[in-house]
Amino acid sequence: MKRSLLIVAVLVPASLLSACSYHTEEHASSNTKKTDEHITAAREPEKTSIDWAKPSGGEYPDIKQKHVWIDVDVKEQKAYIKEGSKTIYTMIVSSGLDQTKDDATPKGTFHIEPERGEWFFSEGYQEGAEYWVSWKNHGEFLFHSVPMTKDKKVIDKEAEKLGVKASHGCIRLTIPDAKWIYENIPEHTKVVIS
């Protein structure tokens, strides 16, 4: 009598995979390497090819003398810099995981607040970021760069999640995109998150 081994691979949405830290791989015994590769691929977080050291949308627009606003689409994981209804620049983002109240990105209409800075570090999360700009609760919800260690080194496993839900509620950006918002988007600019 022949025995066969049935292996079932469950595909999990990328939003749930991004919430998981890298887990120790459990390999099922299998006669084929291909089956093992499919199982491994189903468990690993989705990788992106976004270079967090470069602008995510090419050359930045000149917004002097323009009345712009920021439209963040959490489904698409993009932030659109708009003049009226016209999109003039698109950035790849990572919004909140939206799994609990503590890791959700608030939805609605907000405005850029006066608080901003070149660096912060959260002891609680053991993560920091460059070029932060507050858009809700005066320093609680921010646009900022991909996460960094206390000594300002990019946390690769977090930065690789750019383009999927991954944050604690803030809007993560490439380092240049965060710097551009920090340097160019004025206080009171409208921010719509949907």
C-alpha atoms as a PDB file:
ATOM      1  CA  MET A   1       0.000   0.000   0.000  1.00  0.00           C
ATOM      2  CA  LYS A   2       1.402   3.382  -1.025  1.00  0.00           C
ATOM      3  CA  ARG A   3       1.281   6.294   1.363  1.00  0.00           C
ATOM      4  CA  SER A   4       0.968   9.777   0.030  1.00  0.00           C
ATOM      5  CA  LEU A   5       1.489  12.982   1.889  1.00  0.00           C
ATOM      6  CA  LEU A   6      -1.022  15.764   1.292  1.00  0.00           C
ATOM      7  CA  ILE A   7       0.330  19.242   1.896  1.00  0.00           C
ATOM      8  CA  VAL A   8      -2.018  22.183   1.861  1.00  0.00           C
ATOM      9  CA  ALA A   9      -0.651  25.677   1.350  1.00  0.00           C
ATOM     10  CA  VAL A  10      -2.897  28.434   2.625  1.00  0.00           C
ATOM     11  CA  LEU A  11      -2.541  31.773   0.901  1.00  0.00           C
ATOM     12  CA  VAL A  12      -2.801  34.606   3.391  1.00  0.00           C
ATOM     13  CA  PRO A  13      -3.537  38.188   2.280  1.00  0.00           C
ATOM     14  CA  ALA A  14      -0.430  40.372   2.109  1.00  0.00           C
ATOM     15  CA  SER A  15      -1.871  42.695   4.777  1.00  0.00           C
ATOM     16  CA  LEU A  16      -1.832  39.846   7.299  1.00  0.00           C
ATOM     17  CA  LEU A  17       1.575  38.613   6.222  1.00  0.00           C
ATOM     18  CA  SER A  18       3.086  42.041   6.711  1.00  0.00           C
ATOM     19  CA  ALA A  19       1.891  42.017  10.314  1.00  0.00           C
ATOM     20  CA  CYS A  20       3.907  38.949  11.090  1.00  0.00           C
ATOM     21  CA  SER A  21       7.543  39.134  11.940  1.00  0.00           C
ATOM     22  CA  TYR A  22       9.787  36.628  10.276  1.00  0.00           C
ATOM     23  CA  HIS A  23       8.960  33.260  11.754  1.00  0.00           C
ATOM     24  CA  THR A  24      11.139  30.197  11.917  1.00  0.00           C
ATOM     25  CA  GLU A  25      10.337  28.146   8.857  1.00  0.00           C
ATOM     26  CA  GLU A  26       8.730  24.803   9.504  1.00  0.00           C
ATOM     27  CA  HIS A  27       9.499  22.555   6.593  1.00  0.00           C
ATOM     28  CA  ALA A  28       7.213  19.646   5.896  1.00  0.00           C
ATOM     29  CA  SER A  29       8.901  16.570   4.604  1.00  0.00           C
ATOM     30  CA  SER A  30       8.179  16.192   0.944  1.00  0.00           C
ATOM     31  CA  ASN A  31       9.476  14.238  -1.989  1.00  0.00           C
ATOM     32  CA  THR A  32       9.672  17.344  -4.135  1.00  0.00           C
ATOM     33  CA  LYS A  33      11.570  20.545  -3.565  1.00  0.00           C
ATOM     34  CA  LYS A  34       8.920  22.417  -5.555  1.00  0.00           C
ATOM     35  CA  THR A  35       6.200  21.705  -2.971  1.00  0.00           C
ATOM     36  CA  ASP A  36       8.468  22.923  -0.166  1.00  0.00           C
ATOM     37  CA  GLU A  37       9.163  26.141  -2.091  1.00  0.00           C
ATOM     38  CA  HIS A  38       5.426  26.809  -2.480  1.00  0.00           C
ATOM     39  CA  ILE A  39       4.897  26.410   1.269  1.00  0.00           C
ATOM     40  CA  THR A  40       7.812  28.717   2.046  1.00  0.00           C
ATOM     41  CA  ALA A  41       6.547  31.334  -0.410  1.00  0.00           C
ATOM     42  CA  ALA A  42       3.090  31.282   1.164  1.00  0.00           C
ATOM     43  CA  ARG A  43       4.535  32.030   4.629  1.00  0.00           C
ATOM     44  CA  GLU A  44       6.996  34.788   3.796  1.00  0.00           C
ATOM     45  CA  PRO A  45       5.989  38.459   3.840  1.00  0.00           C
ATOM     46  CA  GLU A  46       5.496  39.980   0.438  1.00  0.00           C
ATOM     47  CA  LYS A  47       8.727  41.582  -0.761  1.00  0.00           C
ATOM     48  CA  THR A  48       8.769  44.826  -2.670  1.00  0.00           C
ATOM     49  CA  SER A  49      11.372  46.230  -4.975  1.00  0.00           C
ATOM     50  CA  ILE A  50      10.945  49.809  -3.780  1.00  0.00           C
ATOM     51  CA  ASP A  51      14.242  51.547  -3.098  1.00  0.00           C
ATOM     52  CA  TRP A  52      13.626  53.454   0.134  1.00  0.00           C
ATOM     53  CA  ALA A  53      16.722  55.579  -0.530  1.00  0.00           C
ATOM     54  CA  LYS A  54      15.175  57.111  -3.688  1.00  0.00           C
ATOM     55  CA  PRO A  55      12.064  59.120  -4.526  1.00  0.00           C
ATOM     56  CA  SER A  56       9.256  56.640  -5.194  1.00  0.00           C
ATOM     57  CA  GLY A  57       7.672  58.667  -8.000  1.00  0.00           C
ATOM     58  CA  GLY A  58      10.605  60.150  -9.930  1.00  0.00           C
ATOM     59  CA  GLU A  59      11.417  63.842 -10.057  1.00  0.00           C
ATOM     60  CA  TYR A  60       9.526  65.958  -7.554  1.00  0.00           C
ATOM     61  CA  PRO A  61       7.179  68.677  -8.793  1.00  0.00           C
ATOM     62  CA  ASP A  62       7.725  72.358  -8.074  1.00  0.00           C
ATOM     63  CA  ILE A  63       4.770  73.233  -5.856  1.00  0.00           C
ATOM     64  CA  LYS A  64       5.691  76.851  -5.170  1.00  0.00           C
ATOM     65  CA  GLN A  65       2.715  79.039  -6.052  1.00  0.00           C
ATOM     66  CA  LYS A  66       0.443  75.958  -6.083  1.00  0.00           C
ATOM     67  CA  HIS A  67      -2.292  75.041  -3.635  1.00  0.00           C
ATOM     68  CA  VAL A  68      -1.752  71.302  -3.076  1.00  0.00           C
ATOM     69  CA  TRP A  69      -3.272  68.672  -0.807  1.00  0.00           C
ATOM     70  CA  ILE A  70      -2.384  65.057   0.022  1.00  0.00           C
ATOM     71  CA  ASP A  71      -4.723  62.177  -0.807  1.00  0.00           C
ATOM     72  CA  VAL A  72      -3.680  58.913   0.911  1.00  0.00           C
ATOM     73  CA  ASP A  73      -5.316  55.748  -0.415  1.00  0.00           C
ATOM     74  CA  VAL A  74      -4.705  52.963   2.116  1.00  0.00           C
ATOM     75  CA  LYS A  75      -6.101  50.302  -0.230  1.00  0.00           C
ATOM     76  CA  GLU A  76      -3.561  51.220  -2.910  1.00  0.00           C
ATOM     77  CA  GLN A  77      -0.850  52.167  -0.360  1.00  0.00           C
ATOM     78  CA  LYS A  78      -0.151  55.397  -2.222  1.00  0.00           C
ATOM     79  CA  ALA A  79      -0.122  59.078  -1.358  1.00  0.00           C
ATOM     80  CA  TYR A  80      -1.081  61.441  -4.152  1.00  0.00           C
ATOM     81  CA  ILE A  81       0.082  65.047  -4.128  1.00  0.00           C
ATOM     82  CA  LYS A  82      -2.787  66.874  -5.802  1.00  0.00           C
ATOM     83  CA  GLU A  83      -3.534  70.297  -7.140  1.00  0.00           C
ATOM     84  CA  GLY A  84      -7.315  70.410  -7.213  1.00  0.00           C
ATOM     85  CA  SER A  85      -8.356  67.092  -8.756  1.00  0.00           C
ATOM     86  CA  LYS A  86      -5.104  66.688 -10.724  1.00  0.00           C
ATOM     87  CA  THR A  87      -2.436  64.317  -9.363  1.00  0.00           C
ATOM     88  CA  ILE A  88       0.992  65.907  -9.732  1.00  0.00           C
ATOM     89  CA  TYR A  89       3.048  63.311  -7.830  1.00  0.00           C
ATOM     90  CA  THR A  90       2.544  59.785  -6.474  1.00  0.00           C
ATOM     91  CA  MET A  91       4.387  58.255  -3.509  1.00  0.00           C
ATOM     92  CA  ILE A  92       4.445  54.641  -2.339  1.00  0.00           C
ATOM     93  CA  VAL A  93       3.525  54.398   1.358  1.00  0.00           C
ATOM     94  CA  SER A  94       2.900  51.956   4.169  1.00  0.00           C
ATOM     95  CA  SER A  95      -0.051  52.804   6.374  1.00  0.00           C
ATOM     96  CA  GLY A  96      -1.197  51.129   9.579  1.00  0.00           C
ATOM     97  CA  LEU A  97      -1.803  47.412   9.806  1.00  0.00           C
ATOM     98  CA  ASP A  98      -5.443  48.202  10.683  1.00  0.00           C
ATOM     99  CA  GLN A  99      -5.772  45.022  12.740  1.00  0.00           C
ATOM    100  CA  THR A 100      -6.398  46.699  16.108  1.00  0.00           C
ATOM    101  CA  LYS A 101      -7.205  50.173  17.413  1.00  0.00           C
ATOM    102  CA  ASP A 102      -3.524  50.606  18.297  1.00  0.00           C
ATOM    103  CA  ASP A 103      -2.157  49.934  14.790  1.00  0.00           C
ATOM    104  CA  ALA A 104      -4.826  51.613  12.647  1.00  0.00           C
ATOM    105  CA  THR A 105      -4.416  54.653  10.417  1.00  0.00           C
ATOM    106  CA  PRO A 106      -7.290  57.059  11.091  1.00  0.00           C
ATOM    107  CA  LYS A 107      -9.516  57.752   8.077  1.00  0.00           C
ATOM    108  CA  GLY A 108     -10.940  61.182   7.312  1.00  0.00           C
ATOM    109  CA  THR A 109      -9.860  64.725   6.525  1.00  0.00           C
ATOM    110  CA  PHE A 110      -7.010  66.227   8.517  1.00  0.00           C
ATOM    111  CA  HIS A 111      -4.535  69.082   8.130  1.00  0.00           C
ATOM    112  CA  ILE A 112      -0.762  69.300   8.493  1.00  0.00           C
ATOM    113  CA  GLU A 113      -0.042  70.441  12.028  1.00  0.00           C
ATOM    114  CA  PRO A 114       2.818  72.692  13.201  1.00  0.00           C
ATOM    115  CA  GLU A 115       4.862  69.826  14.701  1.00  0.00           C
ATOM    116  CA  ARG A 116       7.652  68.460  12.508  1.00  0.00           C
ATOM    117  CA  GLY A 117      11.260  67.405  12.906  1.00  0.00           C
ATOM    118  CA  GLU A 118      14.276  65.759  11.344  1.00  0.00           C
ATOM    119  CA  TRP A 119      14.419  62.772  13.735  1.00  0.00           C
ATOM    120  CA  PHE A 120      12.503  60.899  16.427  1.00  0.00           C
ATOM    121  CA  PHE A 121      12.955  57.601  18.252  1.00  0.00           C
ATOM    122  CA  SER A 122      10.288  55.644  20.136  1.00  0.00           C
ATOM    123  CA  GLU A 123      11.672  53.640  23.051  1.00  0.00           C
ATOM    124  CA  GLY A 124       8.387  51.733  23.223  1.00  0.00           C
ATOM    125  CA  TYR A 125       8.576  50.480  19.620  1.00  0.00           C
ATOM    126  CA  GLN A 126      12.400  50.540  19.443  1.00  0.00           C
ATOM    127  CA  GLU A 127      12.041  52.319  16.095  1.00  0.00           C
ATOM    128  CA  GLY A 128      12.776  55.804  14.895  1.00  0.00           C
ATOM    129  CA  ALA A 129      12.440  57.701  11.642  1.00  0.00           C
ATOM    130  CA  GLU A 130      13.638  60.764   9.812  1.00  0.00           C
ATOM    131  CA  TYR A 131      11.693  63.759   8.500  1.00  0.00           C
ATOM    132  CA  TRP A 132       8.434  63.535  10.397  1.00  0.00           C
ATOM    133  CA  VAL A 133       5.437  65.771   9.864  1.00  0.00           C
ATOM    134  CA  SER A 134       2.363  65.580  12.095  1.00  0.00           C
ATOM    135  CA  TRP A 135      -1.122  65.340  10.587  1.00  0.00           C
ATOM    136  CA  LYS A 136      -3.203  64.249  13.616  1.00  0.00           C
ATOM    137  CA  ASN A 137      -3.051  64.655  17.414  1.00  0.00           C
ATOM    138  CA  HIS A 138       0.026  66.922  17.374  1.00  0.00           C
ATOM    139  CA  GLY A 139       2.782  64.367  17.076  1.00  0.00           C
ATOM    140  CA  GLU A 140       0.856  61.093  17.329  1.00  0.00           C
ATOM    141  CA  PHE A 141       0.117  60.420  13.631  1.00  0.00           C
ATOM    142  CA  LEU A 142       2.876  61.356  11.229  1.00  0.00           C
ATOM    143  CA  PHE A 143       4.272  61.180   7.744  1.00  0.00           C
ATOM    144  CA  HIS A 144       7.834  59.879   8.212  1.00  0.00           C
ATOM    145  CA  SER A 145      10.601  57.825   6.635  1.00  0.00           C
ATOM    146  CA  VAL A 146      10.887  54.054   6.812  1.00  0.00           C
ATOM    147  CA  PRO A 147      11.782  52.861  10.344  1.00  0.00           C
ATOM    148  CA  MET A 148      15.318  53.103  11.678  1.00  0.00           C
ATOM    149  CA  THR A 149      17.319  51.897  14.660  1.00  0.00           C
ATOM    150  CA  LYS A 150      18.406  54.196  17.477  1.00  0.00           C
ATOM    151  CA  ASP A 151      21.679  54.824  15.600  1.00  0.00           C
ATOM    152  CA  LYS A 152      19.741  55.895  12.453  1.00  0.00           C
ATOM    153  CA  LYS A 153      20.248  52.745  10.387  1.00  0.00           C
ATOM    154  CA  VAL A 154      17.301  51.618   8.240  1.00  0.00           C
ATOM    155  CA  ILE A 155      15.576  48.501   9.595  1.00  0.00           C
ATOM    156  CA  ASP A 156      15.640  46.497   6.358  1.00  0.00           C
ATOM    157  CA  LYS A 157      12.888  44.031   7.272  1.00  0.00           C
ATOM    158  CA  GLU A 158      10.531  46.953   7.964  1.00  0.00           C
ATOM    159  CA  ALA A 159      11.635  49.086   4.997  1.00  0.00           C
ATOM    160  CA  GLU A 160      11.046  46.115   2.673  1.00  0.00           C
ATOM    161  CA  LYS A 161       7.344  46.316   3.589  1.00  0.00           C
ATOM    162  CA  LEU A 162       6.975  49.693   1.865  1.00  0.00           C
ATOM    163  CA  GLY A 163       3.893  49.426  -0.330  1.00  0.00           C
ATOM    164  CA  VAL A 164       1.905  47.192   2.061  1.00  0.00           C
ATOM    165  CA  LYS A 165       0.191  47.917   5.379  1.00  0.00           C
ATOM    166  CA  ALA A 166       2.914  47.715   8.023  1.00  0.00           C
ATOM    167  CA  SER A 167       2.979  50.679  10.417  1.00  0.00           C
ATOM    168  CA  HIS A 168       1.548  51.418  13.855  1.00  0.00           C
ATOM    169  CA  GLY A 169      -0.767  54.002  12.247  1.00  0.00           C
ATOM    170  CA  CYS A 170       1.627  56.537  10.734  1.00  0.00           C
ATOM    171  CA  ILE A 171       2.299  56.898   7.009  1.00  0.00           C
ATOM    172  CA  ARG A 172       5.760  55.536   6.140  1.00  0.00           C
ATOM    173  CA  LEU A 173       7.595  56.856   3.090  1.00  0.00           C
ATOM    174  CA  THR A 174      10.931  56.475   1.334  1.00  0.00           C
ATOM    175  CA  ILE A 175      13.570  58.678   2.959  1.00  0.00           C
ATOM    176  CA  PRO A 176      13.587  61.260   0.113  1.00  0.00           C
ATOM    177  CA  ASP A 177       9.753  61.327  -0.033  1.00  0.00           C
ATOM    178  CA  ALA A 178       9.590  61.982   3.722  1.00  0.00           C
ATOM    179  CA  LYS A 179      12.231  64.712   3.377  1.00  0.00           C
ATOM    180  CA  TRP A 180      10.328  66.314   0.483  1.00  0.00           C
ATOM    181  CA  ILE A 181       7.088  66.455   2.514  1.00  0.00           C
ATOM    182  CA  TYR A 182       9.060  67.792   5.519  1.00  0.00           C
ATOM    183  CA  GLU A 183      10.657  70.554   3.412  1.00  0.00           C
ATOM    184  CA  ASN A 184       7.794  71.420   1.038  1.00  0.00           C
ATOM    185  CA  ILE A 185       4.351  70.739   2.497  1.00  0.00           C
ATOM    186  CA  PRO A 186       3.237  73.680   4.635  1.00  0.00           C
ATOM    187  CA  GLU A 187       1.224  73.698   7.825  1.00  0.00           C
ATOM    188  CA  HIS A 188      -2.570  73.595   7.272  1.00  0.00           C
ATOM    189  CA  THR A 189      -2.246  71.539   4.042  1.00  0.00           C
ATOM    190  CA  LYS A 190      -5.290  69.273   3.737  1.00  0.00           C
ATOM    191  CA  VAL A 191      -4.691  65.527   4.151  1.00  0.00           C
ATOM    192  CA  VAL A 192      -7.438  63.094   3.157  1.00  0.00           C
ATOM    193  CA  ILE A 193      -7.003  59.471   4.200  1.00  0.00           C
ATOM    194  CA  SER A 194      -9.406  56.910   2.793  1.00  0.00           C
END
